[in-house]
Amino acid sequence: PKNEIRIFSREEAVDTFLSHYLEVPSAGHDCVENLPRIIRSSYPIMILGENGVGKEQMAATIYTQGEFKNRPYLVIDFSLANDKTWSYLQGHMNSPVNHEGVTIYFRGLEKLSSARTEKLAALLYDTGTCRRNRILFSYTTTPGKGVPPHILNLSSRFSCLTISMMPLRERSGELKALASLYISTVNIDLAKQVIGFMPQAMKLMEQFQWLGNLNQFKRVITQLVMESASSYIQEESTRRVLAAESSDTATSTVLSEVLNLNKPLQDIEKDIVKAVLAETGGNQSQAAARLGICRTTLWKIVKDK
């Protein structure tokens, strides 16, 4: 397996996950004061939080500051896993579960059925993986929904310490400081000299729901800094960019509801086209433009497959 099981050195983990990330060490989770003790402990850790809140960065922070920071960092991504991945995990001599003295991060537990979660728990228990290595898990939560029993059972079985990452909408008091940090970074990348937001523009940022959390926040900041013609980001441009983000988020929500990733690729492609057509009210030109294809290709996908 190449994409679903990756191995990083400490330097590679810093470069990949932490080099442009500014929040995890100081805030954004429910155990700021206890984080150093959690990192020093040997217990497995369960990281909970919505998409884009920084779970990957938290896991990398624990690794780069932990006991095995000078040993490899293994990331197993269950959102990409298939039957071959499971065969490799269970039976290959180089399987991560056979390692010793490394940090292993199992991400994407939300993609596992209860049966697969039990299979993972049994594999880790039978091989004694948790006794020989530092084990990290992450589960992506959905607003308004709790953590399912099979994930709670996995966490309890291995006496996991839990870190709950806060959604950005619950950190509105920090947005001004976060914006300043990101603006400084983007200024360097784009050779700009933007100082900050006008008061009304900042108010719009604080009122936005940020369903994409920090990932979405950074994207918006980057676009606003890039477009800004003055030292301060204006209300009008902020309102326009956030309105576009609201539309994109709605489309993303629709897609996540209609897509069945267990289908063949050509059927998934057709479902995506149909969902975007629904979002554009059946306007083929707009749907094709959004998908980056021509109208003829769009029509063929819907008609022929």
Protein backbone atom coordinates (compact mmCIF):
# COMPACT_ATOMS: atom_id res chain seq x y z
CA PRO A 1 0.00 0.00 0.00
CA LYS A 2 1.28 3.45 -0.94
CA ASN A 3 -1.31 6.11 -0.17
CA GLU A 4 -3.20 4.44 2.66
CA ILE A 5 -0.02 3.59 4.63
CA ARG A 6 2.68 6.27 4.69
CA ILE A 7 5.91 6.56 6.65
CA PHE A 8 7.48 9.87 7.68
CA SER A 9 10.64 10.91 9.45
CA ARG A 10 10.37 13.65 12.08
CA GLU A 11 11.58 16.27 9.58
CA GLU A 12 9.10 15.07 6.96
CA ALA A 13 6.24 15.12 9.47
CA VAL A 14 7.06 18.71 10.47
CA ASP A 15 7.27 19.80 6.84
CA THR A 16 4.08 17.99 5.82
CA PHE A 17 1.80 18.71 8.77
CA LEU A 18 3.19 21.54 10.89
CA SER A 19 5.27 23.97 8.82
CA HIS A 20 2.31 26.24 7.99
CA TYR A 21 0.18 25.52 11.04
CA LEU A 22 0.06 27.95 13.92
CA GLU A 23 -2.67 26.95 16.36
CA VAL A 24 -2.34 23.43 17.79
CA PRO A 25 0.37 23.95 20.43
CA SER A 26 -1.51 26.76 22.18
CA ALA A 27 -5.24 26.42 21.60
CA GLY A 28 -8.06 24.79 19.69
CA HIS A 29 -8.68 21.76 21.93
CA ASP A 30 -10.07 20.89 25.35
CA CYS A 31 -6.83 20.04 27.19
CA VAL A 32 -4.43 22.92 26.61
CA GLU A 33 -2.90 22.76 30.10
CA ASN A 34 -2.68 18.95 30.13
CA LEU A 35 -1.30 18.48 26.62
CA PRO A 36 2.38 18.21 27.71
CA ARG A 37 1.45 15.46 30.19
CA ILE A 38 -0.64 13.67 27.57
CA ILE A 39 2.28 13.76 25.14
CA ARG A 40 4.65 12.34 27.76
CA SER A 41 2.29 9.51 28.67
CA SER A 42 2.34 6.11 26.98
CA TYR A 43 -1.43 5.71 26.66
CA PRO A 44 -3.07 5.57 23.23
CA ILE A 45 -4.84 8.79 22.26
CA MET A 46 -8.19 9.32 20.54
CA ILE A 47 -8.44 12.68 18.73
CA LEU A 48 -12.01 13.81 18.03
CA GLY A 49 -13.19 16.73 15.93
CA GLU A 50 -14.90 17.95 12.79
CA ASN A 51 -13.29 18.22 9.38
CA GLY A 52 -10.61 20.88 9.19
CA VAL A 53 -10.09 21.48 12.92
CA GLY A 54 -6.48 20.26 12.97
CA LYS A 55 -6.60 16.58 13.95
CA GLU A 56 -3.70 15.74 11.63
CA GLN A 57 -1.65 18.58 13.10
CA MET A 58 -2.45 17.48 16.64
CA ALA A 59 -1.34 13.93 15.88
CA ALA A 60 1.90 15.21 14.30
CA THR A 61 2.50 17.48 17.30
CA ILE A 62 2.18 14.53 19.68
CA TYR A 63 4.60 12.52 17.54
CA THR A 64 7.22 15.26 17.11
CA GLN A 65 7.27 15.98 20.84
CA GLY A 66 6.86 12.41 22.06
CA GLU A 67 9.17 9.63 23.19
CA PHE A 68 9.57 8.16 19.70
CA LYS A 69 10.11 11.45 17.87
CA ASN A 70 13.37 10.23 16.35
CA ARG A 71 11.78 7.04 15.04
CA PRO A 72 9.42 6.67 12.05
CA TYR A 73 5.88 8.07 12.04
CA LEU A 74 3.39 5.71 10.37
CA VAL A 75 0.03 7.04 9.15
CA ILE A 76 -2.69 4.53 8.23
CA ASP A 77 -5.58 6.23 6.43
CA PHE A 78 -8.80 4.22 6.57
CA SER A 79 -10.53 6.63 4.18
CA LEU A 80 -8.29 5.10 1.48
CA ALA A 81 -8.13 1.54 2.78
CA ASN A 82 -9.46 -1.45 0.86
CA ASP A 83 -9.36 -5.24 1.24
CA LYS A 84 -5.69 -5.32 0.17
CA THR A 85 -4.88 -2.85 2.93
CA TRP A 86 -6.49 -5.11 5.52
CA SER A 87 -4.66 -8.15 4.17
CA TYR A 88 -1.40 -6.24 4.44
CA LEU A 89 -2.14 -5.08 7.99
CA GLN A 90 -3.08 -8.57 9.13
CA GLY A 91 -0.61 -10.78 7.35
CA HIS A 92 2.45 -9.00 5.98
CA MET A 93 5.75 -9.18 7.84
CA ASN A 94 6.24 -5.42 7.31
CA SER A 95 2.78 -4.55 8.62
CA PRO A 96 2.78 -1.53 10.95
CA VAL A 97 1.38 -3.72 13.73
CA ASN A 98 4.67 -5.64 13.75
CA HIS A 99 6.80 -2.54 14.38
CA GLU A 100 8.31 -1.59 17.71
CA GLY A 101 9.16 1.80 19.20
CA VAL A 102 7.35 3.91 16.61
CA THR A 103 4.30 6.20 16.52
CA ILE A 104 1.36 4.79 14.55
CA TYR A 105 -1.52 7.07 13.63
CA PHE A 106 -4.79 5.43 12.56
CA ARG A 107 -6.85 8.17 10.93
CA GLY A 108 -10.32 8.12 9.37
CA LEU A 109 -12.00 5.79 11.85
CA GLU A 110 -15.32 7.30 10.78
CA LYS A 111 -14.96 5.29 7.56
CA LEU A 112 -14.96 1.97 9.42
CA SER A 113 -18.03 -0.12 10.05
CA SER A 114 -18.54 -1.52 13.53
CA ALA A 115 -17.32 -4.92 12.25
CA ARG A 116 -14.12 -3.43 10.80
CA THR A 117 -13.54 -1.43 13.97
CA GLU A 118 -13.79 -4.65 15.99
CA LYS A 119 -11.38 -6.31 13.57
CA LEU A 120 -8.90 -3.47 14.10
CA ALA A 121 -9.25 -3.72 17.88
CA ALA A 122 -8.69 -7.48 17.80
CA LEU A 123 -5.63 -7.07 15.56
CA LEU A 124 -4.04 -4.50 17.86
CA TYR A 125 -4.83 -6.57 20.95
CA ASP A 126 -3.62 -9.88 19.55
CA THR A 127 -0.33 -8.42 18.28
CA GLY A 128 0.33 -6.33 21.38
CA THR A 129 0.93 -3.33 19.11
CA CYS A 130 -0.19 -0.80 21.72
CA ARG A 131 2.33 -2.07 24.26
CA ARG A 132 5.31 -1.65 21.92
CA ASN A 133 4.41 1.63 20.18
CA ARG A 134 2.68 4.98 20.64
CA ILE A 135 -0.78 4.65 19.12
CA LEU A 136 -2.94 7.55 17.94
CA PHE A 137 -6.47 7.39 16.55
CA SER A 138 -8.70 10.07 15.04
CA TYR A 139 -12.43 10.16 14.36
CA THR A 140 -14.16 12.92 12.40
CA THR A 141 -17.30 14.02 14.18
CA THR A 142 -20.44 15.47 12.60
CA PRO A 143 -22.18 18.51 14.15
CA GLY A 144 -25.17 17.40 16.19
CA LYS A 145 -24.17 13.74 16.24
CA GLY A 146 -22.37 11.83 18.96
CA VAL A 147 -19.50 9.38 18.68
CA PRO A 148 -20.91 5.92 17.81
CA PRO A 149 -20.68 3.04 20.30
CA HIS A 150 -18.11 1.00 18.33
CA ILE A 151 -15.66 3.92 18.42
CA LEU A 152 -16.30 4.49 22.12
CA ASN A 153 -15.73 0.77 22.73
CA LEU A 154 -12.40 0.91 20.86
CA SER A 155 -11.33 3.89 22.94
CA SER A 156 -12.35 2.19 26.19
CA ARG A 157 -10.72 -1.12 25.29
CA PHE A 158 -7.29 0.50 25.02
CA SER A 159 -7.81 3.10 27.78
CA CYS A 160 -7.35 5.94 25.31
CA LEU A 161 -6.83 9.49 26.46
CA THR A 162 -9.21 11.75 24.54
CA ILE A 163 -8.47 15.10 22.92
CA SER A 164 -11.49 16.95 21.55
CA MET A 165 -10.67 19.57 18.94
CA MET A 166 -12.88 22.67 19.01
CA PRO A 167 -14.77 23.80 15.89
CA LEU A 168 -13.86 27.29 14.75
CA ARG A 169 -17.39 28.61 15.38
CA GLU A 170 -16.71 28.07 19.10
CA ARG A 171 -13.50 30.09 18.91
CA SER A 172 -14.95 33.39 17.67
CA GLY A 173 -13.05 35.29 20.35
CA GLU A 174 -9.78 34.04 18.85
CA LEU A 175 -10.57 34.83 15.21
CA LYS A 176 -8.94 38.25 15.20
CA ALA A 177 -5.66 36.85 16.54
CA LEU A 178 -5.82 33.84 14.20
CA ALA A 179 -6.49 36.15 11.26
CA SER A 180 -3.42 38.22 12.12
CA LEU A 181 -1.25 35.10 12.20
CA TYR A 182 -2.52 33.85 8.87
CA ILE A 183 -2.32 37.29 7.25
CA SER A 184 1.34 37.52 8.27
CA THR A 185 2.04 34.14 6.69
CA VAL A 186 0.15 34.95 3.49
CA ASN A 187 1.86 38.35 3.25
CA ILE A 188 5.21 36.58 3.09
CA ASP A 189 4.00 34.05 0.52
CA LEU A 190 2.36 36.65 -1.73
CA ALA A 191 4.69 39.60 -1.08
CA LYS A 192 1.76 41.67 0.23
CA GLN A 193 1.53 44.20 3.08
CA VAL A 194 -1.98 43.70 4.40
CA ILE A 195 -2.31 44.73 8.05
CA GLY A 196 -5.72 43.36 8.97
CA PHE A 197 -9.50 43.69 8.62
CA MET A 198 -11.72 46.75 8.77
CA PRO A 199 -14.02 46.44 11.84
CA GLN A 200 -17.17 45.52 9.89
CA ALA A 201 -15.23 43.03 7.79
CA MET A 202 -13.90 41.36 10.94
CA LYS A 203 -17.42 41.25 12.33
CA LEU A 204 -18.55 39.30 9.25
CA MET A 205 -15.69 36.84 9.80
CA GLU A 206 -16.72 36.35 13.44
CA GLN A 207 -20.37 35.75 12.49
CA PHE A 208 -19.61 33.17 9.79
CA GLN A 209 -20.27 29.51 10.70
CA TRP A 210 -16.98 28.09 9.32
CA LEU A 211 -18.23 24.58 8.62
CA GLY A 212 -14.84 23.86 7.03
CA ASN A 213 -13.11 25.17 10.17
CA LEU A 214 -9.43 26.15 9.97
CA ASN A 215 -8.95 24.79 6.45
CA GLN A 216 -11.74 27.01 5.19
CA PHE A 217 -10.57 29.96 7.30
CA LYS A 218 -7.07 29.84 5.86
CA ARG A 219 -8.43 29.59 2.31
CA VAL A 220 -10.62 32.66 2.84
CA ILE A 221 -7.78 34.65 4.38
CA THR A 222 -5.51 33.77 1.47
CA GLN A 223 -8.08 34.89 -1.10
CA LEU A 224 -8.88 38.14 0.72
CA VAL A 225 -5.21 39.07 1.13
CA MET A 226 -4.52 38.25 -2.50
CA GLU A 227 -7.40 40.45 -3.69
CA SER A 228 -6.87 43.33 -1.27
CA ALA A 229 -5.80 46.59 -2.91
CA SER A 230 -5.25 48.38 0.40
CA SER A 231 -3.65 47.75 3.78
CA TYR A 232 -6.96 46.67 5.30
CA ILE A 233 -9.41 44.05 4.03
CA GLN A 234 -12.74 45.71 3.26
CA GLU A 235 -16.28 44.74 4.24
CA GLU A 236 -17.51 44.45 0.64
CA SER A 237 -14.86 41.94 -0.44
CA THR A 238 -15.27 39.95 2.78
CA ARG A 239 -19.03 39.73 2.28
CA ARG A 240 -18.58 38.56 -1.33
CA VAL A 241 -16.00 35.88 -0.53
CA LEU A 242 -17.99 34.54 2.42
CA ALA A 243 -21.15 34.40 0.28
CA ALA A 244 -19.26 32.26 -2.24
CA GLU A 245 -18.02 30.04 0.58
CA SER A 246 -21.59 29.53 1.80
CA SER A 247 -22.61 28.38 -1.68
CA ASP A 248 -19.65 26.01 -1.95
CA THR A 249 -20.35 24.56 1.50
CA ALA A 250 -23.97 23.91 0.56
CA THR A 251 -22.84 22.10 -2.57
CA SER A 252 -20.36 20.05 -0.56
CA THR A 253 -23.10 19.06 1.89
CA VAL A 254 -25.38 17.96 -0.93
CA LEU A 255 -22.60 15.91 -2.51
CA SER A 256 -21.76 14.15 0.76
CA GLU A 257 -25.41 13.17 1.11
CA VAL A 258 -25.88 11.79 -2.40
CA LEU A 259 -22.55 10.05 -2.99
CA ASN A 260 -22.15 6.35 -2.33
CA LEU A 261 -18.43 5.63 -2.44
CA ASN A 262 -19.05 1.90 -2.62
CA LYS A 263 -20.22 2.28 -6.23
CA PRO A 264 -17.98 1.89 -9.30
CA LEU A 265 -16.09 5.04 -10.27
CA GLN A 266 -18.21 5.71 -13.37
CA ASP A 267 -21.39 5.63 -11.27
CA ILE A 268 -19.87 8.00 -8.69
CA GLU A 269 -18.93 10.35 -11.53
CA LYS A 270 -22.50 10.32 -12.78
CA ASP A 271 -23.85 11.02 -9.27
CA ILE A 272 -21.50 14.01 -8.93
CA VAL A 273 -22.67 15.47 -12.24
CA LYS A 274 -26.33 15.00 -11.28
CA ALA A 275 -25.77 16.66 -7.89
CA VAL A 276 -24.06 19.68 -9.44
CA LEU A 277 -26.82 19.93 -12.06
CA ALA A 278 -29.35 19.98 -9.23
CA GLU A 279 -27.39 22.77 -7.54
CA THR A 280 -27.44 24.84 -10.75
CA GLY A 281 -31.13 24.28 -11.38
CA GLY A 282 -30.39 22.10 -14.38
CA ASN A 283 -28.20 24.71 -16.07
CA GLN A 284 -25.74 22.56 -18.01
CA SER A 285 -23.39 25.44 -18.82
CA GLN A 286 -23.00 26.42 -15.17
CA ALA A 287 -22.63 22.79 -14.07
CA ALA A 288 -20.00 22.11 -16.72
CA ALA A 289 -18.08 25.26 -15.75
CA ARG A 290 -18.13 24.29 -12.08
CA LEU A 291 -16.87 20.79 -12.90
CA GLY A 292 -14.22 22.05 -15.32
CA ILE A 293 -15.57 20.10 -18.29
CA CYS A 294 -17.37 21.03 -21.52
CA ARG A 295 -21.14 20.68 -21.94
CA THR A 296 -20.69 17.79 -24.40
CA THR A 297 -18.68 15.78 -21.85
CA LEU A 298 -21.25 16.52 -19.15
CA TRP A 299 -24.08 15.40 -21.41
CA LYS A 300 -22.25 12.16 -22.30
CA ILE A 301 -21.63 11.33 -18.65
CA VAL A 302 -25.30 11.69 -17.78
CA LYS A 303 -26.60 9.96 -20.91
CA ASP A 304 -24.16 7.14 -21.65
CA LYS A 305 -23.10 5.75 -18.30
